[in-house]
Amino acid sequence: MNLRQEDWIAQLEQDVNAVILDVRTEDEFNDGMIPHAINIDIYKGQGFIYQVEELDKSNNYYVYCRSGARSEQACNLMNQMGFENAFNLLGGILQWKGEVVLPE
């Protein structure tokens, strides 16, 4: 499901089962991320699928990339894999108005 930034943030803040998922490359992730995000690179193809299969399907995933295209693909893949709640951030981190941090 595609969400505008305001809706993505509002829903995320109310969600006790929220996981923020960054599907960009490791280099992009290392340049700055939304706080508390985990990174699984969608460009890793089957590797992406293997890593996503390890995730808890009962959680709600708030997914983003650079512009919103890869994260939309990731949400569609996750839905096909049985994840009921994967929310794509429209506009990606390029249009993100919130905090951006460097990974630790």
PDB file of N, CA and C in Angstrom:
ATOM      1  N   MET A   1       0.841  -1.177   0.000  1.00  0.00           N
ATOM      2  CA  MET A   1       0.000   0.000   0.000  1.00  0.00           C
ATOM      3  C   MET A   1       0.894   1.251   0.000  1.00  0.00           C
ATOM      4  N   ASN A   2       0.594   2.175  -0.901  1.00  0.00           N
ATOM      5  CA  ASN A   2       1.344   3.423  -0.985  1.00  0.00           C
ATOM      6  C   ASN A   2       0.780   4.442  -0.011  1.00  0.00           C
ATOM      7  N   LEU A   3       1.675   5.072   0.756  1.00  0.00           N
ATOM      8  CA  LEU A   3       1.243   6.107   1.695  1.00  0.00           C
ATOM      9  C   LEU A   3       2.050   7.375   1.477  1.00  0.00           C
ATOM     10  N   ARG A   4       1.359   8.507   1.548  1.00  0.00           N
ATOM     11  CA  ARG A   4       2.070   9.786   1.552  1.00  0.00           C
ATOM     12  C   ARG A   4       2.844   9.886   2.862  1.00  0.00           C
ATOM     13  N   GLN A   5       3.870  10.713   2.860  1.00  0.00           N
ATOM     14  CA  GLN A   5       4.742  10.827   4.028  1.00  0.00           C
ATOM     15  C   GLN A   5       3.974  11.082   5.324  1.00  0.00           C
ATOM     16  N   GLU A   6       2.994  12.000   5.287  1.00  0.00           N
ATOM     17  CA  GLU A   6       2.254  12.348   6.501  1.00  0.00           C
ATOM     18  C   GLU A   6       1.539  11.119   7.060  1.00  0.00           C
ATOM     19  N   ASP A   7       0.917  10.343   6.166  1.00  0.00           N
ATOM     20  CA  ASP A   7       0.167   9.154   6.587  1.00  0.00           C
ATOM     21  C   ASP A   7       1.116   8.051   7.059  1.00  0.00           C
ATOM     22  N   TRP A   8       2.236   7.905   6.363  1.00  0.00           N
ATOM     23  CA  TRP A   8       3.257   6.902   6.708  1.00  0.00           C
ATOM     24  C   TRP A   8       3.761   7.160   8.121  1.00  0.00           C
ATOM     25  N   ILE A   9       4.087   8.431   8.409  1.00  0.00           N
ATOM     26  CA  ILE A   9       4.608   8.798   9.732  1.00  0.00           C
ATOM     27  C   ILE A   9       3.535   8.626  10.804  1.00  0.00           C
ATOM     28  N   ALA A  10       2.318   9.113  10.524  1.00  0.00           N
ATOM     29  CA  ALA A  10       1.234   9.035  11.515  1.00  0.00           C
ATOM     30  C   ALA A  10       0.937   7.582  11.872  1.00  0.00           C
ATOM     31  N   GLN A  11       0.884   6.740  10.864  1.00  0.00           N
ATOM     32  CA  GLN A  11       0.590   5.328  11.092  1.00  0.00           C
ATOM     33  C   GLN A  11       1.753   4.660  11.836  1.00  0.00           C
ATOM     34  N   LEU A  12       2.970   4.968  11.423  1.00  0.00           N
ATOM     35  CA  LEU A  12       4.168   4.407  12.045  1.00  0.00           C
ATOM     36  C   LEU A  12       4.233   4.745  13.533  1.00  0.00           C
ATOM     37  N   GLU A  13       3.923   5.992  13.876  1.00  0.00           N
ATOM     38  CA  GLU A  13       4.013   6.433  15.272  1.00  0.00           C
ATOM     39  C   GLU A  13       3.000   5.726  16.174  1.00  0.00           C
ATOM     40  N   GLN A  14       1.896   5.259  15.608  1.00  0.00           N
ATOM     41  CA  GLN A  14       0.844   4.585  16.384  1.00  0.00           C
ATOM     42  C   GLN A  14       1.025   3.063  16.418  1.00  0.00           C
ATOM     43  N   ASP A  15       2.033   2.566  15.713  1.00  0.00           N
ATOM     44  CA  ASP A  15       2.147   1.127  15.450  1.00  0.00           C
ATOM     45  C   ASP A  15       3.199   0.476  16.355  1.00  0.00           C
ATOM     46  N   VAL A  16       2.753  -0.390  17.259  1.00  0.00           N
ATOM     47  CA  VAL A  16       3.698  -1.072  18.159  1.00  0.00           C
ATOM     48  C   VAL A  16       4.424  -2.221  17.459  1.00  0.00           C
ATOM     49  N   ASN A  17       3.923  -2.649  16.306  1.00  0.00           N
ATOM     50  CA  ASN A  17       4.561  -3.737  15.551  1.00  0.00           C
ATOM     51  C   ASN A  17       5.287  -3.225  14.314  1.00  0.00           C
ATOM     52  N   ALA A  18       5.734  -1.979  14.362  1.00  0.00           N
ATOM     53  CA  ALA A  18       6.348  -1.362  13.185  1.00  0.00           C
ATOM     54  C   ALA A  18       7.804  -1.761  13.015  1.00  0.00           C
ATOM     55  N   VAL A  19       8.175  -2.032  11.761  1.00  0.00           N
ATOM     56  CA  VAL A  19       9.568  -2.230  11.378  1.00  0.00           C
ATOM     57  C   VAL A  19       9.803  -1.339  10.159  1.00  0.00           C
ATOM     58  N   ILE A  20      10.850  -0.507  10.221  1.00  0.00           N
ATOM     59  CA  ILE A  20      11.190   0.348   9.080  1.00  0.00           C
ATOM     60  C   ILE A  20      12.216  -0.407   8.244  1.00  0.00           C
ATOM     61  N   LEU A  21      11.919  -0.566   6.964  1.00  0.00           N
ATOM     62  CA  LEU A  21      12.759  -1.335   6.060  1.00  0.00           C
ATOM     63  C   LEU A  21      13.255  -0.453   4.929  1.00  0.00           C
ATOM     64  N   ASP A  22      14.568  -0.335   4.821  1.00  0.00           N
ATOM     65  CA  ASP A  22      15.232   0.425   3.768  1.00  0.00           C
ATOM     66  C   ASP A  22      15.704  -0.582   2.728  1.00  0.00           C
ATOM     67  N   VAL A  23      15.224  -0.470   1.489  1.00  0.00           N
ATOM     68  CA  VAL A  23      15.577  -1.454   0.464  1.00  0.00           C
ATOM     69  C   VAL A  23      16.614  -0.921  -0.530  1.00  0.00           C
ATOM     70  N   ARG A  24      17.311   0.152  -0.156  1.00  0.00           N
ATOM     71  CA  ARG A  24      18.360   0.699  -1.014  1.00  0.00           C
ATOM     72  C   ARG A  24      19.640  -0.138  -0.894  1.00  0.00           C
ATOM     73  N   THR A  25      20.643   0.237  -1.689  1.00  0.00           N
ATOM     74  CA  THR A  25      21.928  -0.446  -1.602  1.00  0.00           C
ATOM     75  C   THR A  25      22.611  -0.075  -0.286  1.00  0.00           C
ATOM     76  N   GLU A  26      23.593  -0.865   0.092  1.00  0.00           N
ATOM     77  CA  GLU A  26      24.328  -0.583   1.330  1.00  0.00           C
ATOM     78  C   GLU A  26      25.006   0.778   1.271  1.00  0.00           C
ATOM     79  N   ASP A  27      25.558   1.145   0.111  1.00  0.00           N
ATOM     80  CA  ASP A  27      26.202   2.461  -0.034  1.00  0.00           C
ATOM     81  C   ASP A  27      25.198   3.594   0.183  1.00  0.00           C
ATOM     82  N   GLU A  28      24.012   3.461  -0.402  1.00  0.00           N
ATOM     83  CA  GLU A  28      22.975   4.480  -0.217  1.00  0.00           C
ATOM     84  C   GLU A  28      22.572   4.557   1.260  1.00  0.00           C
ATOM     85  N   PHE A  29      22.390   3.399   1.860  1.00  0.00           N
ATOM     86  CA  PHE A  29      22.010   3.305   3.276  1.00  0.00           C
ATOM     87  C   PHE A  29      23.052   3.999   4.152  1.00  0.00           C
ATOM     88  N   ASN A  30      24.333   3.774   3.851  1.00  0.00           N
ATOM     89  CA  ASN A  30      25.419   4.355   4.645  1.00  0.00           C
ATOM     90  C   ASN A  30      25.518   5.869   4.505  1.00  0.00           C
ATOM     91  N   ASP A  31      24.904   6.426   3.454  1.00  0.00           N
ATOM     92  CA  ASP A  31      24.892   7.880   3.265  1.00  0.00           C
ATOM     93  C   ASP A  31      23.858   8.564   4.150  1.00  0.00           C
ATOM     94  N   GLY A  32      22.948   7.804   4.736  1.00  0.00           N
ATOM     95  CA  GLY A  32      21.922   8.368   5.610  1.00  0.00           C
ATOM     96  C   GLY A  32      20.654   7.554   5.527  1.00  0.00           C
ATOM     97  N   MET A  33      20.035   7.347   6.693  1.00  0.00           N
ATOM     98  CA  MET A  33      18.849   6.495   6.767  1.00  0.00           C
ATOM     99  C   MET A  33      17.821   7.108   7.704  1.00  0.00           C
ATOM    100  N   ILE A  34      16.588   6.648   7.583  1.00  0.00           N
ATOM    101  CA  ILE A  34      15.554   7.018   8.536  1.00  0.00           C
ATOM    102  C   ILE A  34      15.868   6.254   9.824  1.00  0.00           C
ATOM    103  N   PRO A  35      15.831   6.925  10.989  1.00  0.00           N
ATOM    104  CA  PRO A  35      16.210   6.267  12.241  1.00  0.00           C
ATOM    105  C   PRO A  35      15.500   4.926  12.454  1.00  0.00           C
ATOM    106  N   HIS A  36      16.260   3.954  12.944  1.00  0.00           N
ATOM    107  CA  HIS A  36      15.795   2.611  13.310  1.00  0.00           C
ATOM    108  C   HIS A  36      15.502   1.707  12.117  1.00  0.00           C
ATOM    109  N   ALA A  37      15.876   2.130  10.914  1.00  0.00           N
ATOM    110  CA  ALA A  37      15.628   1.297   9.734  1.00  0.00           C
ATOM    111  C   ALA A  37      16.598   0.126   9.679  1.00  0.00           C
ATOM    112  N   ILE A  38      16.101  -0.976   9.123  1.00  0.00           N
ATOM    113  CA  ILE A  38      16.993  -2.078   8.784  1.00  0.00           C
ATOM    114  C   ILE A  38      17.159  -2.076   7.272  1.00  0.00           C
ATOM    115  N   ASN A  39      18.304  -2.520   6.786  1.00  0.00           N
ATOM    116  CA  ASN A  39      18.617  -2.450   5.360  1.00  0.00           C
ATOM    117  C   ASN A  39      18.643  -3.843   4.757  1.00  0.00           C
ATOM    118  N   ILE A  40      17.779  -4.049   3.760  1.00  0.00           N
ATOM    119  CA  ILE A  40      17.826  -5.254   2.937  1.00  0.00           C
ATOM    120  C   ILE A  40      17.734  -4.775   1.488  1.00  0.00           C
ATOM    121  N   ASP A  41      18.825  -4.905   0.745  1.00  0.00           N
ATOM    122  CA  ASP A  41      18.952  -4.367  -0.608  1.00  0.00           C
ATOM    123  C   ASP A  41      18.123  -5.186  -1.598  1.00  0.00           C
ATOM    124  N   ILE A  42      17.126  -4.547  -2.221  1.00  0.00           N
ATOM    125  CA  ILE A  42      16.274  -5.241  -3.187  1.00  0.00           C
ATOM    126  C   ILE A  42      17.054  -5.655  -4.425  1.00  0.00           C
ATOM    127  N   TYR A  43      18.162  -4.963  -4.728  1.00  0.00           N
ATOM    128  CA  TYR A  43      18.956  -5.325  -5.907  1.00  0.00           C
ATOM    129  C   TYR A  43      19.681  -6.662  -5.726  1.00  0.00           C
ATOM    130  N   LYS A  44      19.656  -7.226  -4.537  1.00  0.00           N
ATOM    131  CA  LYS A  44      20.298  -8.525  -4.321  1.00  0.00           C
ATOM    132  C   LYS A  44      19.446  -9.677  -4.826  1.00  0.00           C
ATOM    133  N   GLY A  45      18.284  -9.372  -5.418  1.00  0.00           N
ATOM    134  CA  GLY A  45      17.457 -10.393  -6.051  1.00  0.00           C
ATOM    135  C   GLY A  45      17.040 -11.493  -5.090  1.00  0.00           C
ATOM    136  N   GLN A  46      17.518 -12.716  -5.364  1.00  0.00           N
ATOM    137  CA  GLN A  46      17.148 -13.858  -4.530  1.00  0.00           C
ATOM    138  C   GLN A  46      17.637 -13.655  -3.096  1.00  0.00           C
ATOM    139  N   GLY A  47      18.765 -12.997  -2.925  1.00  0.00           N
ATOM    140  CA  GLY A  47      19.268 -12.697  -1.585  1.00  0.00           C
ATOM    141  C   GLY A  47      18.282 -11.847  -0.799  1.00  0.00           C
ATOM    142  N   PHE A  48      17.640 -10.906  -1.492  1.00  0.00           N
ATOM    143  CA  PHE A  48      16.604 -10.073  -0.865  1.00  0.00           C
ATOM    144  C   PHE A  48      15.466 -10.964  -0.377  1.00  0.00           C
ATOM    145  N   ILE A  49      15.020 -11.877  -1.238  1.00  0.00           N
ATOM    146  CA  ILE A  49      13.916 -12.775  -0.887  1.00  0.00           C
ATOM    147  C   ILE A  49      14.281 -13.631   0.322  1.00  0.00           C
ATOM    148  N   TYR A  50      15.503 -14.180   0.325  1.00  0.00           N
ATOM    149  CA  TYR A  50      15.936 -15.006   1.456  1.00  0.00           C
ATOM    150  C   TYR A  50      15.903 -14.205   2.760  1.00  0.00           C
ATOM    151  N   GLN A  51      16.408 -12.965   2.717  1.00  0.00           N
ATOM    152  CA  GLN A  51      16.442 -12.150   3.938  1.00  0.00           C
ATOM    153  C   GLN A  51      15.033 -11.767   4.391  1.00  0.00           C
ATOM    154  N   VAL A  52      14.173 -11.431   3.458  1.00  0.00           N
ATOM    155  CA  VAL A  52      12.801 -11.048   3.796  1.00  0.00           C
ATOM    156  C   VAL A  52      12.049 -12.239   4.388  1.00  0.00           C
ATOM    157  N   GLU A  53      12.329 -13.441   3.879  1.00  0.00           N
ATOM    158  CA  GLU A  53      11.670 -14.639   4.410  1.00  0.00           C
ATOM    159  C   GLU A  53      11.980 -14.850   5.891  1.00  0.00           C
ATOM    160  N   GLU A  54      13.093 -14.287   6.368  1.00  0.00           N
ATOM    161  CA  GLU A  54      13.476 -14.411   7.780  1.00  0.00           C
ATOM    162  C   GLU A  54      12.676 -13.467   8.681  1.00  0.00           C
ATOM    163  N   LEU A  55      12.003 -12.485   8.084  1.00  0.00           N
ATOM    164  CA  LEU A  55      11.279 -11.484   8.868  1.00  0.00           C
ATOM    165  C   LEU A  55       9.967 -12.053   9.407  1.00  0.00           C
ATOM    166  N   ASP A  56       9.511 -11.472  10.495  1.00  0.00           N
ATOM    167  CA  ASP A  56       8.265 -11.880  11.150  1.00  0.00           C
ATOM    168  C   ASP A  56       7.074 -11.296  10.386  1.00  0.00           C
ATOM    169  N   LYS A  57       6.249 -12.170   9.808  1.00  0.00           N
ATOM    170  CA  LYS A  57       5.107 -11.715   8.996  1.00  0.00           C
ATOM    171  C   LYS A  57       4.030 -11.020   9.825  1.00  0.00           C
ATOM    172  N   SER A  58       4.085 -11.161  11.158  1.00  0.00           N
ATOM    173  CA  SER A  58       3.057 -10.517  11.986  1.00  0.00           C
ATOM    174  C   SER A  58       3.369  -9.037  12.225  1.00  0.00           C
ATOM    175  N   ASN A  59       4.563  -8.599  11.865  1.00  0.00           N
ATOM    176  CA  ASN A  59       4.905  -7.179  12.004  1.00  0.00           C
ATOM    177  C   ASN A  59       4.360  -6.384  10.826  1.00  0.00           C
ATOM    178  N   ASN A  60       4.369  -5.065  10.982  1.00  0.00           N
ATOM    179  CA  ASN A  60       3.974  -4.148   9.914  1.00  0.00           C
ATOM    180  C   ASN A  60       5.238  -3.474   9.401  1.00  0.00           C
ATOM    181  N   TYR A  61       5.436  -3.504   8.091  1.00  0.00           N
ATOM    182  CA  TYR A  61       6.680  -3.009   7.500  1.00  0.00           C
ATOM    183  C   TYR A  61       6.454  -1.692   6.771  1.00  0.00           C
ATOM    184  N   TYR A  62       7.261  -0.718   7.155  1.00  0.00           N
ATOM    185  CA  TYR A  62       7.243   0.614   6.552  1.00  0.00           C
ATOM    186  C   TYR A  62       8.484   0.691   5.681  1.00  0.00           C
ATOM    187  N   VAL A  63       8.265   0.634   4.362  1.00  0.00           N
ATOM    188  CA  VAL A  63       9.336   0.392   3.412  1.00  0.00           C
ATOM    189  C   VAL A  63       9.638   1.669   2.635  1.00  0.00           C
ATOM    190  N   TYR A  64      10.940   1.939   2.464  1.00  0.00           N
ATOM    191  CA  TYR A  64      11.323   3.095   1.657  1.00  0.00           C
ATOM    192  C   TYR A  64      12.594   2.805   0.876  1.00  0.00           C
ATOM    193  N   CYS A  65      12.814   3.626  -0.160  1.00  0.00           N
ATOM    194  CA  CYS A  65      14.045   3.589  -0.945  1.00  0.00           C
ATOM    195  C   CYS A  65      14.412   5.036  -1.264  1.00  0.00           C
ATOM    196  N   ARG A  66      15.061   5.260  -2.380  1.00  0.00           N
ATOM    197  CA  ARG A  66      15.464   6.622  -2.720  1.00  0.00           C
ATOM    198  C   ARG A  66      14.265   7.447  -3.177  1.00  0.00           C
ATOM    199  N   SER A  67      13.475   6.897  -4.124  1.00  0.00           N
ATOM    200  CA  SER A  67      12.387   7.687  -4.707  1.00  0.00           C
ATOM    201  C   SER A  67      11.002   7.075  -4.536  1.00  0.00           C
ATOM    202  N   GLY A  68      10.928   5.836  -4.077  1.00  0.00           N
ATOM    203  CA  GLY A  68       9.637   5.179  -3.903  1.00  0.00           C
ATOM    204  C   GLY A  68       9.369   4.059  -4.890  1.00  0.00           C
ATOM    205  N   ALA A  69      10.203   3.915  -5.929  1.00  0.00           N
ATOM    206  CA  ALA A  69       9.964   2.882  -6.953  1.00  0.00           C
ATOM    207  C   ALA A  69      10.394   1.494  -6.464  1.00  0.00           C
ATOM    208  N   ARG A  70      11.618   1.379  -5.955  1.00  0.00           N
ATOM    209  CA  ARG A  70      12.093   0.076  -5.470  1.00  0.00           C
ATOM    210  C   ARG A  70      11.286  -0.379  -4.267  1.00  0.00           C
ATOM    211  N   SER A  71      10.918   0.560  -3.399  1.00  0.00           N
ATOM    212  CA  SER A  71      10.147   0.177  -2.213  1.00  0.00           C
ATOM    213  C   SER A  71       8.747  -0.286  -2.602  1.00  0.00           C
ATOM    214  N   GLU A  72       8.198   0.289  -3.671  1.00  0.00           N
ATOM    215  CA  GLU A  72       6.898  -0.196  -4.142  1.00  0.00           C
ATOM    216  C   GLU A  72       7.038  -1.640  -4.637  1.00  0.00           C
ATOM    217  N   GLN A  73       8.111  -1.917  -5.382  1.00  0.00           N
ATOM    218  CA  GLN A  73       8.390  -3.293  -5.833  1.00  0.00           C
ATOM    219  C   GLN A  73       8.541  -4.220  -4.629  1.00  0.00           C
ATOM    220  N   ALA A  74       9.280  -3.755  -3.625  1.00  0.00           N
ATOM    221  CA  ALA A  74       9.512  -4.573  -2.430  1.00  0.00           C
ATOM    222  C   ALA A  74       8.197  -4.893  -1.731  1.00  0.00           C
ATOM    223  N   CYS A  75       7.316  -3.906  -1.607  1.00  0.00           N
ATOM    224  CA  CYS A  75       6.014  -4.132  -0.970  1.00  0.00           C
ATOM    225  C   CYS A  75       5.200  -5.163  -1.750  1.00  0.00           C
ATOM    226  N   ASN A  76       5.228  -5.062  -3.078  1.00  0.00           N
ATOM    227  CA  ASN A  76       4.497  -6.021  -3.910  1.00  0.00           C
ATOM    228  C   ASN A  76       5.045  -7.430  -3.712  1.00  0.00           C
ATOM    229  N   LEU A  77       6.376  -7.557  -3.700  1.00  0.00           N
ATOM    230  CA  LEU A  77       7.008  -8.860  -3.453  1.00  0.00           C
ATOM    231  C   LEU A  77       6.626  -9.401  -2.084  1.00  0.00           C
ATOM    232  N   MET A  78       6.688  -8.530  -1.081  1.00  0.00           N
ATOM    233  CA  MET A  78       6.367  -8.949   0.280  1.00  0.00           C
ATOM    234  C   MET A  78       4.918  -9.415   0.374  1.00  0.00           C
ATOM    235  N   ASN A  79       4.009  -8.717  -0.311  1.00  0.00           N
ATOM    236  CA  ASN A  79       2.605  -9.133  -0.318  1.00  0.00           C
ATOM    237  C   ASN A  79       2.463 -10.525  -0.926  1.00  0.00           C
ATOM    238  N   GLN A  80       3.198 -10.772  -2.017  1.00  0.00           N
ATOM    239  CA  GLN A  80       3.161 -12.092  -2.659  1.00  0.00           C
ATOM    240  C   GLN A  80       3.715 -13.171  -1.740  1.00  0.00           C
ATOM    241  N   MET A  81       4.620 -12.778  -0.837  1.00  0.00           N
ATOM    242  CA  MET A  81       5.242 -13.728   0.081  1.00  0.00           C
ATOM    243  C   MET A  81       4.418 -13.919   1.361  1.00  0.00           C
ATOM    244  N   GLY A  82       3.270 -13.256   1.447  1.00  0.00           N
ATOM    245  CA  GLY A  82       2.393 -13.468   2.590  1.00  0.00           C
ATOM    246  C   GLY A  82       2.450 -12.398   3.664  1.00  0.00           C
ATOM    247  N   PHE A  83       3.173 -11.303   3.408  1.00  0.00           N
ATOM    248  CA  PHE A  83       3.175 -10.180   4.348  1.00  0.00           C
ATOM    249  C   PHE A  83       1.919  -9.358   4.073  1.00  0.00           C
ATOM    250  N   GLU A  84       1.088  -9.200   5.108  1.00  0.00           N
ATOM    251  CA  GLU A  84      -0.170  -8.487   4.901  1.00  0.00           C
ATOM    252  C   GLU A  84      -0.020  -6.978   4.993  1.00  0.00           C
ATOM    253  N   ASN A  85       0.992  -6.517   5.736  1.00  0.00           N
ATOM    254  CA  ASN A  85       1.118  -5.086   5.974  1.00  0.00           C
ATOM    255  C   ASN A  85       2.500  -4.577   5.602  1.00  0.00           C
ATOM    256  N   ALA A  86       2.629  -4.163   4.335  1.00  0.00           N
ATOM    257  CA  ALA A  86       3.851  -3.530   3.850  1.00  0.00           C
ATOM    258  C   ALA A  86       3.439  -2.191   3.247  1.00  0.00           C
ATOM    259  N   PHE A  87       3.964  -1.114   3.812  1.00  0.00           N
ATOM    260  CA  PHE A  87       3.543   0.232   3.427  1.00  0.00           C
ATOM    261  C   PHE A  87       4.699   0.976   2.758  1.00  0.00           C
ATOM    262  N   ASN A  88       4.463   1.393   1.526  1.00  0.00           N
ATOM    263  CA  ASN A  88       5.482   2.089   0.743  1.00  0.00           C
ATOM    264  C   ASN A  88       5.435   3.588   1.002  1.00  0.00           C
ATOM    265  N   LEU A  89       6.606   4.178   1.229  1.00  0.00           N
ATOM    266  CA  LEU A  89       6.717   5.629   1.399  1.00  0.00           C
ATOM    267  C   LEU A  89       6.818   6.285   0.025  1.00  0.00           C
ATOM    268  N   LEU A  90       5.741   6.944  -0.398  1.00  0.00           N
ATOM    269  CA  LEU A  90       5.750   7.650  -1.684  1.00  0.00           C
ATOM    270  C   LEU A  90       6.810   8.749  -1.661  1.00  0.00           C
ATOM    271  N   GLY A  91       7.591   8.837  -2.726  1.00  0.00           N
ATOM    272  CA  GLY A  91       8.631   9.871  -2.818  1.00  0.00           C
ATOM    273  C   GLY A  91       9.947   9.467  -2.192  1.00  0.00           C
ATOM    274  N   GLY A  92       9.939   8.403  -1.403  1.00  0.00           N
ATOM    275  CA  GLY A  92      11.177   7.893  -0.821  1.00  0.00           C
ATOM    276  C   GLY A  92      11.904   8.886   0.055  1.00  0.00           C
ATOM    277  N   ILE A  93      13.177   8.579   0.308  1.00  0.00           N
ATOM    278  CA  ILE A  93      13.983   9.421   1.202  1.00  0.00           C
ATOM    279  C   ILE A  93      14.304  10.767   0.557  1.00  0.00           C
ATOM    280  N   LEU A  94      14.201  10.843  -0.786  1.00  0.00           N
ATOM    281  CA  LEU A  94      14.446  12.122  -1.470  1.00  0.00           C
ATOM    282  C   LEU A  94      13.481  13.199  -0.997  1.00  0.00           C
ATOM    283  N   GLN A  95      12.242  12.803  -0.699  1.00  0.00           N
ATOM    284  CA  GLN A  95      11.230  13.777  -0.267  1.00  0.00           C
ATOM    285  C   GLN A  95      10.973  13.717   1.233  1.00  0.00           C
ATOM    286  N   TRP A  96      11.768  12.947   1.945  1.00  0.00           N
ATOM    287  CA  TRP A  96      11.605  12.765   3.385  1.00  0.00           C
ATOM    288  C   TRP A  96      11.903  14.072   4.109  1.00  0.00           C
ATOM    289  N   LYS A  97      10.988  14.494   4.987  1.00  0.00           N
ATOM    290  CA  LYS A  97      11.169  15.738   5.732  1.00  0.00           C
ATOM    291  C   LYS A  97      11.622  15.466   7.163  1.00  0.00           C
ATOM    292  N   GLY A  98      11.616  14.208   7.566  1.00  0.00           N
ATOM    293  CA  GLY A  98      11.974  13.859   8.934  1.00  0.00           C
ATOM    294  C   GLY A  98      13.481  13.718   9.130  1.00  0.00           C
ATOM    295  N   GLU A  99      13.842  13.143  10.251  1.00  0.00           N
ATOM    296  CA  GLU A  99      15.238  12.983  10.628  1.00  0.00           C
ATOM    297  C   GLU A  99      15.919  11.940   9.748  1.00  0.00           C
ATOM    298  N   VAL A 100      17.175  12.208   9.421  1.00  0.00           N
ATOM    299  CA  VAL A 100      18.024  11.250   8.713  1.00  0.00           C
ATOM    300  C   VAL A 100      19.299  11.110   9.540  1.00  0.00           C
ATOM    301  N   VAL A 101      19.695   9.873   9.797  1.00  0.00           N
ATOM    302  CA  VAL A 101      20.891   9.613  10.599  1.00  0.00           C
ATOM    303  C   VAL A 101      21.834   8.693   9.827  1.00  0.00           C
ATOM    304  N   LEU A 102      23.081   8.649  10.280  1.00  0.00           N
ATOM    305  CA  LEU A 102      24.032   7.696   9.723  1.00  0.00           C
ATOM    306  C   LEU A 102      23.933   6.387  10.497  1.00  0.00           C
ATOM    307  N   PRO A 103      24.067   5.245   9.806  1.00  0.00           N
ATOM    308  CA  PRO A 103      24.026   3.981  10.537  1.00  0.00           C
ATOM    309  C   PRO A 103      25.179   3.878  11.527  1.00  0.00           C
ATOM    310  N   GLU A 104      24.946   3.172  12.618  1.00  0.00           N
ATOM    311  CA  GLU A 104      25.990   3.043  13.647  1.00  0.00           C
ATOM    312  C   GLU A 104      26.960   1.945  13.295  1.00  0.00           C
TER     313      GLU A 104
END
